C-alpha atoms as a PDB file:
ATOM      1  CA  MET A   1      -0.152  -0.236   0.041  1.00  0.00           C
ATOM      2  CA  PHE A   2       1.294   3.583  -0.569  1.00  0.00           C
ATOM      3  CA  ALA A   3       0.040   6.907  -0.565  1.00  0.00           C
ATOM      4  CA  ILE A   4       0.425  10.076  -3.034  1.00  0.00           C
ATOM      5  CA  THR A   5       0.617  13.260  -1.350  1.00  0.00           C
ATOM      6  CA  LEU A   6       0.182  16.549  -3.329  1.00  0.00           C
ATOM      7  CA  ALA A   7       1.831  19.491  -1.528  1.00  0.00           C
ATOM      8  CA  ILE A   8       1.010  23.025  -2.900  1.00  0.00           C
ATOM      9  CA  VAL A   9       3.339  25.638  -1.775  1.00  0.00           C
ATOM     10  CA  THR A  10       2.272  29.339  -1.909  1.00  0.00           C
ATOM     11  CA  SER A  11       3.771  32.137  -0.902  1.00  0.00           C
ATOM     12  CA  ALA A  12       3.510  33.603   2.390  1.00  0.00           C
ATOM     13  CA  ASN A  13       3.582  37.194   1.129  1.00  0.00           C
ATOM     14  CA  ALA A  14       1.363  36.605  -1.929  1.00  0.00           C
ATOM     15  CA  GLN A  15      -0.137  40.115  -2.702  1.00  0.00           C
ATOM     16  CA  SER A  16      -2.611  41.658  -5.156  1.00  0.00           C
ATOM     17  CA  THR A  17      -3.101  45.326  -6.134  1.00  0.00           C
ATOM     18  CA  LEU A  18      -6.777  46.896  -5.863  1.00  0.00           C
ATOM     19  CA  VAL A  19      -7.638  48.992  -8.887  1.00  0.00           C
ATOM     20  CA  LYS A  20     -10.678  51.448  -8.471  1.00  0.00           C
ATOM     21  CA  LEU A  21     -12.666  50.927 -11.406  1.00  0.00           C
ATOM     22  CA  SER A  22     -15.334  53.370 -11.185  1.00  0.00           C
ATOM     23  CA  THR A  23     -16.803  56.332  -8.733  1.00  0.00           C
ATOM     24  CA  ASP A  24     -20.319  57.304  -8.153  1.00  0.00           C
ATOM     25  CA  THR A  25     -20.520  60.799  -9.707  1.00  0.00           C
ATOM     26  CA  PHE A  26     -24.250  61.657  -9.336  1.00  0.00           C
ATOM     27  CA  HIS A  27     -25.662  64.382  -7.324  1.00  0.00           C
ATOM     28  CA  ASP A  28     -29.558  63.719  -7.769  1.00  0.00           C
ATOM     29  CA  SER A  29     -31.500  63.967  -4.282  1.00  0.00           C
ATOM     30  CA  ASP A  30     -33.093  60.900  -4.622  1.00  0.00           C
ATOM     31  CA  ALA A  31     -30.209  58.302  -4.191  1.00  0.00           C
ATOM     32  CA  GLN A  32     -27.483  57.522  -1.689  1.00  0.00           C
ATOM     33  CA  HIS A  33     -24.139  58.912  -3.142  1.00  0.00           C
ATOM     34  CA  ARG A  34     -20.878  57.344  -3.145  1.00  0.00           C
ATOM     35  CA  THR A  35     -22.399  53.932  -3.590  1.00  0.00           C
ATOM     36  CA  GLU A  36     -21.889  51.414  -6.215  1.00  0.00           C
ATOM     37  CA  VAL A  37     -23.771  48.394  -5.451  1.00  0.00           C
ATOM     38  CA  GLU A  38     -25.163  44.695  -6.670  1.00  0.00           C
ATOM     39  CA  PRO A  39     -22.065  43.985  -9.123  1.00  0.00           C
ATOM     40  CA  ASP A  40     -22.284  41.127 -11.557  1.00  0.00           C
ATOM     41  CA  THR A  41     -18.952  40.133 -13.569  1.00  0.00           C
ATOM     42  CA  PHE A  42     -18.521  37.789 -16.520  1.00  0.00           C
ATOM     43  CA  ALA A  43     -15.337  36.876 -17.808  1.00  0.00           C
ATOM     44  CA  TRP A  44     -14.074  34.941 -21.399  1.00  0.00           C
ATOM     45  CA  GLY A  45     -10.864  34.793 -22.510  1.00  0.00           C
ATOM     46  CA  SER A  46      -9.089  38.097 -21.707  1.00  0.00           C
ATOM     47  CA  THR A  47     -12.370  39.763 -21.901  1.00  0.00           C
ATOM     48  CA  ILE A  48     -13.993  41.075 -18.177  1.00  0.00           C
ATOM     49  CA  VAL A  49     -17.217  42.662 -18.326  1.00  0.00           C
ATOM     50  CA  SER A  50     -18.724  44.093 -15.093  1.00  0.00           C
ATOM     51  CA  GLY A  51     -22.026  45.969 -14.267  1.00  0.00           C
ATOM     52  CA  PHE A  52     -23.451  47.486 -11.049  1.00  0.00           C
ATOM     53  CA  GLN A  53     -25.939  49.866  -9.799  1.00  0.00           C
ATOM     54  CA  VAL A  54     -24.693  53.461  -8.989  1.00  0.00           C
ATOM     55  CA  ALA A  55     -26.066  55.752  -6.556  1.00  0.00           C
ATOM     56  CA  ARG A  56     -28.349  53.525  -4.680  1.00  0.00           C
ATOM     57  CA  ILE A  57     -31.951  54.594  -4.157  1.00  0.00           C
ATOM     58  CA  ALA A  58     -33.742  53.403  -1.224  1.00  0.00           C
ATOM     59  CA  ASP A  59     -36.852  51.860  -3.290  1.00  0.00           C
ATOM     60  CA  GLY A  60     -34.917  50.173  -5.366  1.00  0.00           C
ATOM     61  CA  GLY A  61     -32.295  50.470  -8.113  1.00  0.00           C
ATOM     62  CA  GLY A  62     -29.908  53.240  -8.679  1.00  0.00           C
ATOM     63  CA  ALA A  63     -29.486  56.726 -10.561  1.00  0.00           C
ATOM     64  CA  ASP A  64     -27.914  54.447 -13.221  1.00  0.00           C
ATOM     65  CA  VAL A  65     -26.284  51.141 -14.389  1.00  0.00           C
ATOM     66  CA  GLY A  66     -22.425  51.323 -14.207  1.00  0.00           C
ATOM     67  CA  PHE A  67     -20.203  49.160 -16.250  1.00  0.00           C
ATOM     68  CA  ALA A  68     -16.312  48.526 -16.164  1.00  0.00           C
ATOM     69  CA  THR A  69     -14.449  46.486 -19.130  1.00  0.00           C
ATOM     70  CA  SER A  70     -11.123  44.719 -19.769  1.00  0.00           C
ATOM     71  CA  THR A  71     -10.095  43.264 -23.081  1.00  0.00           C
ATOM     72  CA  ASP A  72      -6.622  42.664 -21.719  1.00  0.00           C
ATOM     73  CA  ALA A  73      -7.189  40.374 -18.892  1.00  0.00           C
ATOM     74  CA  GLY A  74      -7.601  43.258 -16.279  1.00  0.00           C
ATOM     75  CA  LYS A  75      -4.331  45.197 -17.174  1.00  0.00           C
ATOM     76  CA  THR A  76      -6.459  48.311 -18.411  1.00  0.00           C
ATOM     77  CA  TRP A  77      -9.792  49.184 -17.913  1.00  0.00           C
ATOM     78  CA  THR A  78     -12.678  51.319 -19.509  1.00  0.00           C
ATOM     79  CA  SER A  79     -15.714  52.523 -17.320  1.00  0.00           C
ATOM     80  CA  GLY A  80     -18.601  54.741 -17.588  1.00  0.00           C
ATOM     81  CA  TYR A  81     -22.529  54.462 -17.182  1.00  0.00           C
ATOM     82  CA  LEU A  82     -24.840  53.511 -19.485  1.00  0.00           C
ATOM     83  CA  PRO A  83     -26.662  56.284 -21.759  1.00  0.00           C
ATOM     84  CA  GLY A  84     -30.102  57.111 -22.055  1.00  0.00           C
ATOM     85  CA  LEU A  85     -31.602  55.030 -18.987  1.00  0.00           C
ATOM     86  CA  THR A  86     -32.344  57.627 -16.363  1.00  0.00           C
ATOM     87  CA  ASP A  87     -33.088  61.282 -16.421  1.00  0.00           C
ATOM     88  CA  ASN A  88     -29.758  61.518 -14.295  1.00  0.00           C
ATOM     89  CA  TYR A  89     -27.577  60.762 -17.217  1.00  0.00           C
ATOM     90  CA  LYS A  90     -27.776  61.550 -21.021  1.00  0.00           C
ATOM     91  CA  GLY A  91     -31.200  61.878 -21.338  1.00  0.00           C
ATOM     92  CA  GLY A  92     -33.082  59.059 -19.849  1.00  0.00           C
ATOM     93  CA  SER A  93     -36.803  58.963 -19.142  1.00  0.00           C
ATOM     94  CA  PHE A  94     -36.652  56.755 -15.992  1.00  0.00           C
ATOM     95  CA  THR A  95     -35.899  57.796 -12.389  1.00  0.00           C
ATOM     96  CA  ALA A  96     -34.049  54.904 -11.438  1.00  0.00           C
ATOM     97  CA  ALA A  97     -32.080  51.731 -13.155  1.00  0.00           C
ATOM     98  CA  LYS A  98     -31.700  48.253 -12.321  1.00  0.00           C
ATOM     99  CA  ARG A  99     -28.501  46.507 -13.136  1.00  0.00           C
ATOM    100  CA  ARG A 100     -29.514  42.672 -14.600  1.00  0.00           C
ATOM    101  CA  SER A 101     -26.843  40.292 -15.316  1.00  0.00           C
ATOM    102  CA  SER A 102     -28.292  39.268 -18.449  1.00  0.00           C
ATOM    103  CA  GLY A 103     -27.711  42.718 -20.011  1.00  0.00           C
ATOM    104  CA  LEU A 104     -23.957  41.774 -19.494  1.00  0.00           C
END
């Protein structure tokens, strides 16, 4: 009888760098500002797409839906808000927006 043992050695000093992808810049009176909540992220190959609510509204939703994308496995990022959804950003007609994973 014999046993096979697998030893995994990891560095005790493993570190990662946090990267700020987005900041709530809205100022409408309905929202709780400096909030970006309910994120969802999808990755395929070197492409990463994330969506989240920006400026949470107590009754549900946010002032808009934010996004962050990378096409080089997270080395560089592009982020912003989806235009035309809410009256808070670029001519939308709704007062709030909710992030949906299927929209990613």
